[in-house]
Amino acid sequence: MRRFTTAERMVHRSTGILMLLCGLTAACLYIGPLAQLVGRRQLMVFVHEWSGILLPAPVLLGLLSPAFRADLRRLNRFAPYDRRWLASARRRRTEPADRPAGKFNAGQKLYAGWIAGAVLVMMFTGLLMWFMGLLPSINRTSAIFVHDLLAYGIAIVLVGHMRKAYQDPEARRGMKTGYVSRAWARREHAMWRPQEDSERD
């Protein structure tokens, strides 16, 4: 059964590539031994800045897709069963019956909201560092501190995101091909009603 359209998968893939570029170039700029090994600091700065600036572009282009807009609405809504999912996750219950979910589970909804906010803050602080006089009331040191601290947070959360994806081959297949098995959908996302979604979209 279909879980993601081509447009949705392209948004995810493009965003992932840009995030990877940001992370790798940041490592080449801030980790001494790696910076010496790679060299070409100006190129690393250029790629880092522009991959960061372009990070919202896939999402903005994705807004042209009705399916992507519908998924954004789903990610932005917390249902009563999402609270139950979070309570089960806190108690470390792993049975699907204890963790009901719609098309996206509560963890995915929290991750999407957090990463969207983090990217906006990273862009804002990055622009402050790039254009020094943009907001004279905020000094460069403060922008660097927030940017660097949030970068560590994003790295930790992204590793968690990739770890969860690695643990679920069917979810990865859904993002790769757009399709998942009905058995997996019923087990892991019991509250998801694809027929209702397609009528609403």
N, C-alpha and C. Protein backbone atom coordinates (compact mmCIF):
# COMPACT_ATOMS: atom_id res chain seq x y z
N MET A 1 0.84 -1.18 0.00
CA MET A 1 0.00 0.00 0.00
C MET A 1 0.88 1.24 0.00
N ARG A 2 0.37 2.31 -0.57
CA ARG A 2 1.19 3.52 -0.73
C ARG A 2 1.23 4.33 0.56
N ARG A 3 2.45 4.70 0.96
CA ARG A 3 2.63 5.53 2.15
C ARG A 3 3.10 6.94 1.80
N PHE A 4 4.02 7.03 0.83
CA PHE A 4 4.55 8.34 0.45
C PHE A 4 4.56 8.49 -1.07
N THR A 5 4.26 9.69 -1.54
CA THR A 5 4.33 9.99 -2.97
C THR A 5 5.78 10.30 -3.34
N THR A 6 6.04 10.40 -4.63
CA THR A 6 7.39 10.75 -5.11
C THR A 6 7.81 12.10 -4.56
N ALA A 7 6.89 13.07 -4.55
CA ALA A 7 7.22 14.41 -4.06
C ALA A 7 7.64 14.36 -2.59
N GLU A 8 6.91 13.60 -1.77
CA GLU A 8 7.25 13.50 -0.35
C GLU A 8 8.61 12.86 -0.15
N ARG A 9 8.89 11.82 -0.93
CA ARG A 9 10.19 11.15 -0.80
C ARG A 9 11.32 12.06 -1.26
N MET A 10 11.09 12.86 -2.30
CA MET A 10 12.12 13.79 -2.77
C MET A 10 12.40 14.88 -1.74
N VAL A 11 11.36 15.35 -1.07
CA VAL A 11 11.55 16.35 0.00
C VAL A 11 12.42 15.76 1.10
N HIS A 12 12.11 14.54 1.52
CA HIS A 12 12.87 13.90 2.58
C HIS A 12 14.32 13.67 2.16
N ARG A 13 14.51 13.18 0.94
CA ARG A 13 15.86 12.88 0.45
C ARG A 13 16.69 14.15 0.29
N SER A 14 16.10 15.18 -0.31
CA SER A 14 16.83 16.44 -0.53
C SER A 14 17.19 17.10 0.79
N THR A 15 16.25 17.08 1.73
CA THR A 15 16.53 17.65 3.06
C THR A 15 17.64 16.87 3.74
N GLY A 16 17.61 15.56 3.63
CA GLY A 16 18.65 14.73 4.22
C GLY A 16 20.03 15.02 3.64
N ILE A 17 20.10 15.19 2.33
CA ILE A 17 21.39 15.49 1.67
C ILE A 17 21.92 16.84 2.14
N LEU A 18 21.05 17.84 2.21
CA LEU A 18 21.48 19.17 2.65
C LEU A 18 21.93 19.14 4.12
N MET A 19 21.20 18.38 4.96
CA MET A 19 21.59 18.25 6.37
C MET A 19 22.95 17.56 6.48
N LEU A 20 23.16 16.54 5.66
CA LEU A 20 24.44 15.82 5.67
C LEU A 20 25.58 16.75 5.25
N LEU A 21 25.34 17.56 4.21
CA LEU A 21 26.36 18.52 3.78
C LEU A 21 26.68 19.52 4.88
N CYS A 22 25.63 20.02 5.54
CA CYS A 22 25.84 20.96 6.65
C CYS A 22 26.69 20.32 7.75
N GLY A 23 26.32 19.09 8.11
CA GLY A 23 27.03 18.40 9.19
C GLY A 23 28.48 18.08 8.84
N LEU A 24 28.71 17.57 7.63
CA LEU A 24 30.08 17.21 7.23
C LEU A 24 30.98 18.44 7.11
N THR A 25 30.45 19.50 6.50
CA THR A 25 31.28 20.71 6.36
C THR A 25 31.51 21.37 7.71
N ALA A 26 30.52 21.30 8.61
CA ALA A 26 30.73 21.84 9.97
C ALA A 26 31.83 21.08 10.67
N ALA A 27 31.84 19.75 10.51
CA ALA A 27 32.90 18.94 11.13
C ALA A 27 34.26 19.32 10.57
N CYS A 28 34.32 19.56 9.25
CA CYS A 28 35.59 19.95 8.62
C CYS A 28 36.05 21.34 9.05
N LEU A 29 35.13 22.16 9.52
CA LEU A 29 35.49 23.51 9.96
C LEU A 29 35.86 23.56 11.44
N TYR A 30 35.27 22.68 12.26
CA TYR A 30 35.42 22.81 13.71
C TYR A 30 36.29 21.75 14.36
N ILE A 31 36.48 20.63 13.72
CA ILE A 31 37.30 19.57 14.31
C ILE A 31 38.71 19.70 13.73
N GLY A 32 39.65 20.09 14.57
CA GLY A 32 41.01 20.42 14.15
C GLY A 32 41.67 19.41 13.22
N PRO A 33 41.83 18.15 13.66
CA PRO A 33 42.50 17.15 12.80
C PRO A 33 41.80 16.96 11.45
N LEU A 34 40.46 17.00 11.47
CA LEU A 34 39.70 16.84 10.23
C LEU A 34 39.90 18.05 9.32
N ALA A 35 39.93 19.24 9.92
CA ALA A 35 40.16 20.47 9.15
C ALA A 35 41.53 20.43 8.47
N GLN A 36 42.54 19.93 9.18
CA GLN A 36 43.88 19.84 8.60
C GLN A 36 43.92 18.80 7.48
N LEU A 37 43.21 17.70 7.67
CA LEU A 37 43.20 16.63 6.68
C LEU A 37 42.52 17.08 5.39
N VAL A 38 41.38 17.76 5.52
CA VAL A 38 40.60 18.17 4.35
C VAL A 38 41.17 19.43 3.72
N GLY A 39 41.52 20.41 4.57
CA GLY A 39 41.99 21.69 4.04
C GLY A 39 40.87 22.44 3.33
N ARG A 40 41.22 23.32 2.39
CA ARG A 40 40.23 24.04 1.58
C ARG A 40 39.12 24.65 2.42
N ARG A 41 39.51 25.42 3.42
CA ARG A 41 38.56 26.00 4.37
C ARG A 41 37.51 26.86 3.68
N GLN A 42 37.93 27.68 2.72
CA GLN A 42 36.97 28.58 2.05
C GLN A 42 35.88 27.79 1.32
N LEU A 43 36.27 26.67 0.70
CA LEU A 43 35.28 25.84 0.03
C LEU A 43 34.31 25.24 1.04
N MET A 44 34.85 24.78 2.19
CA MET A 44 33.99 24.21 3.23
C MET A 44 33.01 25.26 3.77
N VAL A 45 33.50 26.48 3.95
CA VAL A 45 32.63 27.57 4.42
C VAL A 45 31.53 27.83 3.40
N PHE A 46 31.92 27.90 2.12
CA PHE A 46 30.94 28.18 1.05
C PHE A 46 29.85 27.11 1.01
N VAL A 47 30.26 25.82 1.03
CA VAL A 47 29.28 24.71 0.97
C VAL A 47 28.41 24.71 2.23
N HIS A 48 29.02 24.97 3.38
CA HIS A 48 28.27 24.97 4.64
C HIS A 48 27.20 26.07 4.63
N GLU A 49 27.61 27.27 4.24
CA GLU A 49 26.67 28.39 4.25
C GLU A 49 25.51 28.17 3.28
N TRP A 50 25.82 27.74 2.08
CA TRP A 50 24.77 27.61 1.08
C TRP A 50 23.89 26.38 1.28
N SER A 51 24.44 25.30 1.82
CA SER A 51 23.58 24.15 2.13
C SER A 51 22.64 24.50 3.27
N GLY A 52 23.11 25.35 4.20
CA GLY A 52 22.23 25.83 5.28
C GLY A 52 21.14 26.75 4.77
N ILE A 53 21.51 27.67 3.88
CA ILE A 53 20.52 28.61 3.31
C ILE A 53 19.47 27.86 2.50
N LEU A 54 19.89 26.82 1.79
CA LEU A 54 18.97 26.06 0.92
C LEU A 54 18.15 25.01 1.67
N LEU A 55 18.43 24.82 2.96
CA LEU A 55 17.76 23.76 3.72
C LEU A 55 16.23 23.83 3.68
N PRO A 56 15.62 25.01 3.78
CA PRO A 56 14.14 25.05 3.71
C PRO A 56 13.58 24.86 2.30
N ALA A 57 14.43 24.94 1.28
CA ALA A 57 13.93 24.89 -0.11
C ALA A 57 13.13 23.63 -0.44
N PRO A 58 13.59 22.41 -0.06
CA PRO A 58 12.79 21.23 -0.39
C PRO A 58 11.39 21.27 0.23
N VAL A 59 11.30 21.75 1.47
CA VAL A 59 9.99 21.83 2.13
C VAL A 59 9.10 22.85 1.42
N LEU A 60 9.68 24.00 1.05
CA LEU A 60 8.89 25.03 0.36
C LEU A 60 8.41 24.53 -0.99
N LEU A 61 9.28 23.82 -1.72
CA LEU A 61 8.86 23.23 -3.00
C LEU A 61 7.83 22.12 -2.78
N GLY A 62 7.99 21.40 -1.68
CA GLY A 62 7.06 20.32 -1.36
C GLY A 62 5.64 20.81 -1.12
N LEU A 63 5.50 22.09 -0.76
CA LEU A 63 4.16 22.65 -0.53
C LEU A 63 3.31 22.65 -1.79
N LEU A 64 3.94 22.49 -2.94
CA LEU A 64 3.19 22.37 -4.19
C LEU A 64 2.44 21.04 -4.28
N SER A 65 2.85 20.07 -3.46
CA SER A 65 2.23 18.74 -3.48
C SER A 65 1.09 18.66 -2.46
N PRO A 66 -0.13 18.32 -2.90
CA PRO A 66 -1.24 18.16 -1.95
C PRO A 66 -0.97 17.09 -0.89
N ALA A 67 -0.30 16.00 -1.30
CA ALA A 67 -0.01 14.92 -0.35
C ALA A 67 0.96 15.40 0.73
N PHE A 68 1.95 16.20 0.34
CA PHE A 68 2.91 16.72 1.32
C PHE A 68 2.22 17.69 2.28
N ARG A 69 1.35 18.54 1.76
CA ARG A 69 0.62 19.47 2.63
C ARG A 69 -0.27 18.71 3.61
N ALA A 70 -0.89 17.62 3.12
CA ALA A 70 -1.74 16.81 4.00
C ALA A 70 -0.91 16.17 5.11
N ASP A 71 0.31 15.71 4.77
CA ASP A 71 1.17 15.12 5.79
C ASP A 71 1.64 16.16 6.80
N LEU A 72 1.89 17.38 6.36
CA LEU A 72 2.24 18.45 7.31
C LEU A 72 1.11 18.69 8.30
N ARG A 73 -0.13 18.64 7.80
CA ARG A 73 -1.28 18.81 8.71
C ARG A 73 -1.33 17.66 9.72
N ARG A 74 -1.06 16.45 9.26
CA ARG A 74 -1.06 15.29 10.17
C ARG A 74 0.04 15.43 11.23
N LEU A 75 1.21 15.87 10.79
CA LEU A 75 2.33 16.03 11.73
C LEU A 75 2.05 17.12 12.76
N ASN A 76 1.20 18.06 12.41
CA ASN A 76 0.92 19.21 13.28
C ASN A 76 -0.23 18.97 14.25
N ARG A 77 -0.85 17.78 14.19
CA ARG A 77 -1.99 17.49 15.06
C ARG A 77 -1.66 16.37 16.04
N PHE A 78 -1.95 16.62 17.30
CA PHE A 78 -1.78 15.59 18.32
C PHE A 78 -3.15 15.04 18.69
N ALA A 79 -3.34 13.75 18.49
CA ALA A 79 -4.60 13.08 18.82
C ALA A 79 -4.48 12.44 20.20
N PRO A 80 -5.61 12.07 20.81
CA PRO A 80 -5.54 11.41 22.12
C PRO A 80 -4.65 10.16 22.12
N TYR A 81 -4.67 9.40 21.01
CA TYR A 81 -3.84 8.19 20.98
C TYR A 81 -2.35 8.52 20.94
N ASP A 82 -2.00 9.75 20.51
CA ASP A 82 -0.58 10.14 20.53
C ASP A 82 -0.08 10.26 21.97
N ARG A 83 -0.93 10.75 22.85
CA ARG A 83 -0.54 10.84 24.27
C ARG A 83 -0.32 9.44 24.85
N ARG A 84 -1.17 8.52 24.42
CA ARG A 84 -1.01 7.13 24.86
C ARG A 84 0.30 6.55 24.33
N TRP A 85 0.65 6.89 23.07
CA TRP A 85 1.91 6.43 22.48
C TRP A 85 3.09 6.93 23.31
N LEU A 86 3.06 8.22 23.67
CA LEU A 86 4.16 8.80 24.46
C LEU A 86 4.25 8.16 25.84
N ALA A 87 3.08 7.93 26.47
CA ALA A 87 3.09 7.29 27.79
C ALA A 87 3.69 5.89 27.70
N SER A 88 3.35 5.15 26.65
CA SER A 88 3.91 3.81 26.46
C SER A 88 5.40 3.86 26.20
N ALA A 89 5.83 4.86 25.43
CA ALA A 89 7.26 5.01 25.13
C ALA A 89 8.04 5.32 26.41
N ARG A 90 7.46 6.16 27.27
CA ARG A 90 8.14 6.47 28.54
C ARG A 90 8.27 5.23 29.41
N ARG A 91 7.27 4.35 29.36
CA ARG A 91 7.32 3.12 30.16
C ARG A 91 8.07 2.00 29.43
N ARG A 92 8.59 2.34 28.25
CA ARG A 92 9.37 1.41 27.43
C ARG A 92 8.56 0.17 27.01
N ARG A 93 7.29 0.38 26.74
CA ARG A 93 6.48 -0.70 26.21
C ARG A 93 6.66 -0.75 24.70
N THR A 94 6.88 -1.92 24.18
CA THR A 94 7.19 -2.04 22.74
C THR A 94 6.10 -2.72 21.93
N GLU A 95 5.07 -3.22 22.60
CA GLU A 95 3.99 -3.88 21.86
C GLU A 95 3.20 -2.85 21.05
N PRO A 96 2.97 -3.10 19.76
CA PRO A 96 2.21 -2.14 18.94
C PRO A 96 0.84 -1.79 19.52
N ALA A 97 0.20 -2.74 20.20
CA ALA A 97 -1.12 -2.48 20.79
C ALA A 97 -1.05 -1.42 21.87
N ASP A 98 0.10 -1.31 22.53
CA ASP A 98 0.28 -0.30 23.58
C ASP A 98 0.64 1.06 23.02
N ARG A 99 1.01 1.09 21.72
CA ARG A 99 1.49 2.34 21.13
C ARG A 99 0.74 2.63 19.83
N PRO A 100 -0.54 3.00 19.94
CA PRO A 100 -1.32 3.26 18.73
C PRO A 100 -0.82 4.52 18.02
N ALA A 101 -0.88 4.49 16.69
CA ALA A 101 -0.39 5.64 15.91
C ALA A 101 -1.19 5.77 14.63
N GLY A 102 -1.30 7.02 14.17
CA GLY A 102 -1.88 7.28 12.86
C GLY A 102 -0.80 7.08 11.81
N LYS A 103 -0.86 7.84 10.73
CA LYS A 103 0.16 7.69 9.70
C LYS A 103 1.55 7.98 10.27
N PHE A 104 1.61 8.92 11.23
CA PHE A 104 2.86 9.22 11.93
C PHE A 104 2.64 9.00 13.42
N ASN A 105 3.62 8.40 14.09
CA ASN A 105 3.46 8.23 15.53
C ASN A 105 3.88 9.52 16.25
N ALA A 106 3.62 9.56 17.56
CA ALA A 106 3.89 10.78 18.33
C ALA A 106 5.36 11.15 18.32
N GLY A 107 6.24 10.15 18.32
CA GLY A 107 7.68 10.43 18.26
C GLY A 107 8.07 11.12 16.97
N GLN A 108 7.50 10.67 15.86
CA GLN A 108 7.78 11.29 14.56
C GLN A 108 7.25 12.72 14.52
N LYS A 109 6.09 12.95 15.14
CA LYS A 109 5.51 14.30 15.18
C LYS A 109 6.39 15.25 15.99
N LEU A 110 6.86 14.77 17.15
CA LEU A 110 7.75 15.60 17.97
C LEU A 110 9.06 15.88 17.24
N TYR A 111 9.61 14.86 16.61
CA TYR A 111 10.86 15.03 15.86
C TYR A 111 10.70 16.06 14.75
N ALA A 112 9.60 15.96 13.98
CA ALA A 112 9.38 16.89 12.87
C ALA A 112 9.28 18.32 13.37
N GLY A 113 8.53 18.53 14.45
CA GLY A 113 8.39 19.89 15.00
C GLY A 113 9.70 20.42 15.53
N TRP A 114 10.44 19.56 16.24
CA TRP A 114 11.71 20.00 16.83
C TRP A 114 12.72 20.35 15.75
N ILE A 115 12.85 19.48 14.74
CA ILE A 115 13.87 19.71 13.70
C ILE A 115 13.52 20.94 12.87
N ALA A 116 12.22 21.19 12.64
CA ALA A 116 11.82 22.38 11.88
C ALA A 116 12.21 23.64 12.64
N GLY A 117 11.92 23.66 13.94
CA GLY A 117 12.30 24.82 14.75
C GLY A 117 13.81 25.00 14.84
N ALA A 118 14.52 23.88 15.01
CA ALA A 118 15.98 23.94 15.12
C ALA A 118 16.61 24.48 13.84
N VAL A 119 16.10 24.05 12.68
CA VAL A 119 16.64 24.53 11.41
C VAL A 119 16.44 26.04 11.27
N LEU A 120 15.29 26.54 11.67
CA LEU A 120 15.03 27.98 11.59
C LEU A 120 15.99 28.76 12.48
N VAL A 121 16.21 28.26 13.70
CA VAL A 121 17.15 28.94 14.60
C VAL A 121 18.57 28.88 14.05
N MET A 122 18.95 27.73 13.48
CA MET A 122 20.29 27.61 12.89
C MET A 122 20.46 28.57 11.72
N MET A 123 19.42 28.70 10.90
CA MET A 123 19.50 29.65 9.79
C MET A 123 19.65 31.08 10.29
N PHE A 124 18.85 31.43 11.30
CA PHE A 124 18.88 32.79 11.84
C PHE A 124 20.25 33.11 12.43
N THR A 125 20.79 32.21 13.27
CA THR A 125 22.10 32.48 13.86
C THR A 125 23.20 32.43 12.82
N GLY A 126 23.05 31.55 11.82
CA GLY A 126 24.04 31.50 10.73
C GLY A 126 24.07 32.79 9.94
N LEU A 127 22.89 33.35 9.66
CA LEU A 127 22.83 34.63 8.93
C LEU A 127 23.42 35.76 9.76
N LEU A 128 23.21 35.70 11.09
CA LEU A 128 23.80 36.72 11.96
C LEU A 128 25.32 36.67 11.91
N MET A 129 25.88 35.45 11.82
CA MET A 129 27.34 35.33 11.73
C MET A 129 27.84 35.73 10.35
N TRP A 130 27.03 35.45 9.33
CA TRP A 130 27.43 35.75 7.96
C TRP A 130 27.37 37.25 7.69
N PHE A 131 26.29 37.87 8.11
CA PHE A 131 26.12 39.31 7.92
C PHE A 131 26.20 39.98 9.29
N MET A 132 27.40 40.38 9.64
CA MET A 132 27.68 40.86 10.99
C MET A 132 26.76 41.99 11.46
N GLY A 133 26.42 42.92 10.57
CA GLY A 133 25.65 44.08 10.99
C GLY A 133 24.15 43.92 10.90
N LEU A 134 23.69 42.68 10.68
CA LEU A 134 22.26 42.44 10.48
C LEU A 134 21.42 42.90 11.67
N LEU A 135 21.83 42.49 12.87
CA LEU A 135 21.18 42.93 14.11
C LEU A 135 22.29 43.34 15.09
N PRO A 136 22.62 44.62 15.11
CA PRO A 136 23.74 45.08 15.95
C PRO A 136 23.54 44.79 17.44
N SER A 137 22.29 44.64 17.87
CA SER A 137 22.04 44.39 19.29
C SER A 137 22.45 42.98 19.72
N ILE A 138 22.63 42.07 18.76
CA ILE A 138 23.07 40.70 19.08
C ILE A 138 24.51 40.54 18.61
N ASN A 139 25.40 40.24 19.54
CA ASN A 139 26.81 40.12 19.13
C ASN A 139 27.11 38.75 18.55
N ARG A 140 28.21 38.68 17.84
CA ARG A 140 28.59 37.47 17.11
C ARG A 140 28.84 36.28 18.05
N THR A 141 29.39 36.57 19.24
CA THR A 141 29.68 35.50 20.19
C THR A 141 28.41 34.78 20.62
N SER A 142 27.35 35.53 20.85
CA SER A 142 26.07 34.92 21.25
C SER A 142 25.52 34.04 20.13
N ALA A 143 25.60 34.55 18.89
CA ALA A 143 25.10 33.78 17.74
C ALA A 143 25.90 32.50 17.57
N ILE A 144 27.22 32.59 17.73
CA ILE A 144 28.07 31.40 17.59
C ILE A 144 27.74 30.38 18.68
N PHE A 145 27.54 30.86 19.92
CA PHE A 145 27.24 29.96 21.03
C PHE A 145 25.95 29.18 20.77
N VAL A 146 24.89 29.89 20.39
CA VAL A 146 23.60 29.23 20.12
C VAL A 146 23.72 28.28 18.93
N HIS A 147 24.40 28.75 17.87
CA HIS A 147 24.56 27.94 16.66
C HIS A 147 25.30 26.64 16.96
N ASP A 148 26.40 26.74 17.69
CA ASP A 148 27.20 25.56 17.99
C ASP A 148 26.47 24.61 18.94
N LEU A 149 25.84 25.16 19.97
CA LEU A 149 25.13 24.32 20.93
C LEU A 149 23.98 23.56 20.26
N LEU A 150 23.23 24.27 19.42
CA LEU A 150 22.12 23.63 18.72
C LEU A 150 22.61 22.61 17.71
N ALA A 151 23.78 22.85 17.13
CA ALA A 151 24.36 21.89 16.17
C ALA A 151 24.61 20.54 16.85
N TYR A 152 25.11 20.57 18.08
CA TYR A 152 25.32 19.32 18.82
C TYR A 152 23.98 18.63 19.08
N GLY A 153 22.97 19.42 19.45
CA GLY A 153 21.64 18.86 19.69
C GLY A 153 21.07 18.21 18.44
N ILE A 154 21.22 18.89 17.30
CA ILE A 154 20.72 18.34 16.03
C ILE A 154 21.46 17.05 15.69
N ALA A 155 22.77 17.03 15.91
CA ALA A 155 23.55 15.82 15.60
C ALA A 155 23.06 14.64 16.42
N ILE A 156 22.79 14.86 17.71
CA ILE A 156 22.32 13.78 18.59
C ILE A 156 20.95 13.28 18.13
N VAL A 157 20.05 14.23 17.84
CA VAL A 157 18.69 13.86 17.43
C VAL A 157 18.70 13.14 16.08
N LEU A 158 19.54 13.59 15.15
CA LEU A 158 19.63 12.94 13.84
C LEU A 158 20.16 11.51 13.95
N VAL A 159 21.13 11.31 14.83
CA VAL A 159 21.65 9.95 15.05
C VAL A 159 20.52 9.06 15.58
N GLY A 160 19.72 9.60 16.50
CA GLY A 160 18.57 8.86 17.02
C GLY A 160 17.56 8.54 15.92
N HIS A 161 17.31 9.51 15.06
CA HIS A 161 16.37 9.34 13.94
C HIS A 161 16.86 8.23 13.00
N MET A 162 18.14 8.26 12.66
CA MET A 162 18.69 7.24 11.75
C MET A 162 18.73 5.87 12.41
N ARG A 163 18.97 5.86 13.72
CA ARG A 163 18.98 4.59 14.45
C ARG A 163 17.60 3.94 14.43
N LYS A 164 16.56 4.74 14.66
CA LYS A 164 15.20 4.21 14.63
C LYS A 164 14.85 3.72 13.22
N ALA A 165 15.27 4.45 12.21
CA ALA A 165 15.01 4.03 10.83
C ALA A 165 15.74 2.73 10.52
N TYR A 166 16.96 2.60 11.01
CA TYR A 166 17.74 1.38 10.77
C TYR A 166 17.06 0.17 11.41
N GLN A 167 16.39 0.39 12.54
CA GLN A 167 15.73 -0.71 13.25
C GLN A 167 14.43 -1.16 12.58
N ASP A 168 13.93 -0.36 11.64
CA ASP A 168 12.65 -0.69 11.01
C ASP A 168 12.80 -0.72 9.49
N PRO A 169 13.18 -1.88 8.93
CA PRO A 169 13.40 -1.97 7.47
C PRO A 169 12.15 -1.62 6.66
N GLU A 170 10.99 -1.95 7.19
CA GLU A 170 9.75 -1.67 6.45
C GLU A 170 9.51 -0.16 6.33
N ALA A 171 9.81 0.58 7.39
CA ALA A 171 9.68 2.04 7.34
C ALA A 171 10.66 2.62 6.33
N ARG A 172 11.88 2.07 6.29
CA ARG A 172 12.88 2.52 5.32
C ARG A 172 12.41 2.23 3.90
N ARG A 173 11.81 1.06 3.72
CA ARG A 173 11.31 0.69 2.39
C ARG A 173 10.21 1.66 1.96
N GLY A 174 9.37 2.08 2.92
CA GLY A 174 8.32 3.04 2.61
C GLY A 174 8.88 4.37 2.13
N MET A 175 10.00 4.79 2.73
CA MET A 175 10.61 6.05 2.30
C MET A 175 11.39 5.87 1.00
N LYS A 176 11.88 4.67 0.76
CA LYS A 176 12.66 4.43 -0.47
C LYS A 176 11.76 4.22 -1.69
N THR A 177 10.72 3.41 -1.52
CA THR A 177 9.87 3.06 -2.67
C THR A 177 8.51 3.74 -2.65
N GLY A 178 8.10 4.20 -1.47
CA GLY A 178 6.77 4.81 -1.32
C GLY A 178 5.72 3.83 -0.84
N TYR A 179 6.07 2.53 -0.78
CA TYR A 179 5.08 1.51 -0.44
C TYR A 179 5.51 0.71 0.79
N VAL A 180 4.50 0.30 1.57
CA VAL A 180 4.72 -0.56 2.74
C VAL A 180 3.70 -1.70 2.68
N SER A 181 3.95 -2.74 3.46
CA SER A 181 3.00 -3.85 3.50
C SER A 181 1.80 -3.46 4.36
N ARG A 182 0.65 -4.03 4.03
CA ARG A 182 -0.56 -3.76 4.81
C ARG A 182 -0.42 -4.29 6.24
N ALA A 183 0.26 -5.41 6.38
CA ALA A 183 0.45 -6.00 7.72
C ALA A 183 1.23 -5.05 8.61
N TRP A 184 2.30 -4.45 8.07
CA TRP A 184 3.10 -3.50 8.84
C TRP A 184 2.27 -2.27 9.20
N ALA A 185 1.52 -1.77 8.24
CA ALA A 185 0.69 -0.58 8.49
C ALA A 185 -0.33 -0.85 9.58
N ARG A 186 -0.97 -2.04 9.54
CA ARG A 186 -1.96 -2.37 10.56
C ARG A 186 -1.32 -2.54 11.93
N ARG A 187 -0.10 -3.09 11.95
CA ARG A 187 0.58 -3.35 13.22
C ARG A 187 1.15 -2.07 13.84
N GLU A 188 1.85 -1.27 13.04
CA GLU A 188 2.58 -0.11 13.57
C GLU A 188 1.79 1.19 13.52
N HIS A 189 0.78 1.27 12.65
CA HIS A 189 0.02 2.52 12.48
C HIS A 189 -1.47 2.20 12.38
N ALA A 190 -1.95 1.59 13.45
CA ALA A 190 -3.31 1.05 13.44
C ALA A 190 -4.39 2.12 13.24
N MET A 191 -4.10 3.36 13.63
CA MET A 191 -5.10 4.42 13.52
C MET A 191 -5.07 5.12 12.16
N TRP A 192 -4.15 4.71 11.29
CA TRP A 192 -4.03 5.33 9.96
C TRP A 192 -5.11 4.76 9.06
N ARG A 193 -5.84 5.64 8.41
CA ARG A 193 -6.90 5.24 7.50
C ARG A 193 -6.60 5.79 6.11
N PRO A 194 -5.82 5.06 5.30
CA PRO A 194 -5.41 5.57 3.98
C PRO A 194 -6.58 5.93 3.07
N GLN A 195 -7.69 5.19 3.14
CA GLN A 195 -8.83 5.48 2.29
C GLN A 195 -9.41 6.86 2.64
N GLU A 196 -9.53 7.14 3.94
CA GLU A 196 -10.03 8.45 4.36
C GLU A 196 -9.07 9.55 3.96
N ASP A 197 -7.76 9.27 4.06
CA ASP A 197 -6.75 10.26 3.68
C ASP A 197 -6.89 10.62 2.22
N SER A 198 -7.05 9.60 1.35
CA SER A 198 -7.11 9.87 -0.08
C SER A 198 -8.37 10.65 -0.44
N GLU A 199 -9.48 10.39 0.28
CA GLU A 199 -10.70 11.15 0.03
C GLU A 199 -10.53 12.59 0.47
N ARG A 200 -9.81 12.79 1.61
CA ARG A 200 -9.63 14.13 2.13
C ARG A 200 -8.66 14.94 1.26
N ASP A 201 -7.64 14.25 0.70
CA ASP A 201 -6.64 14.92 -0.13
C ASP A 201 -7.25 15.28 -1.48
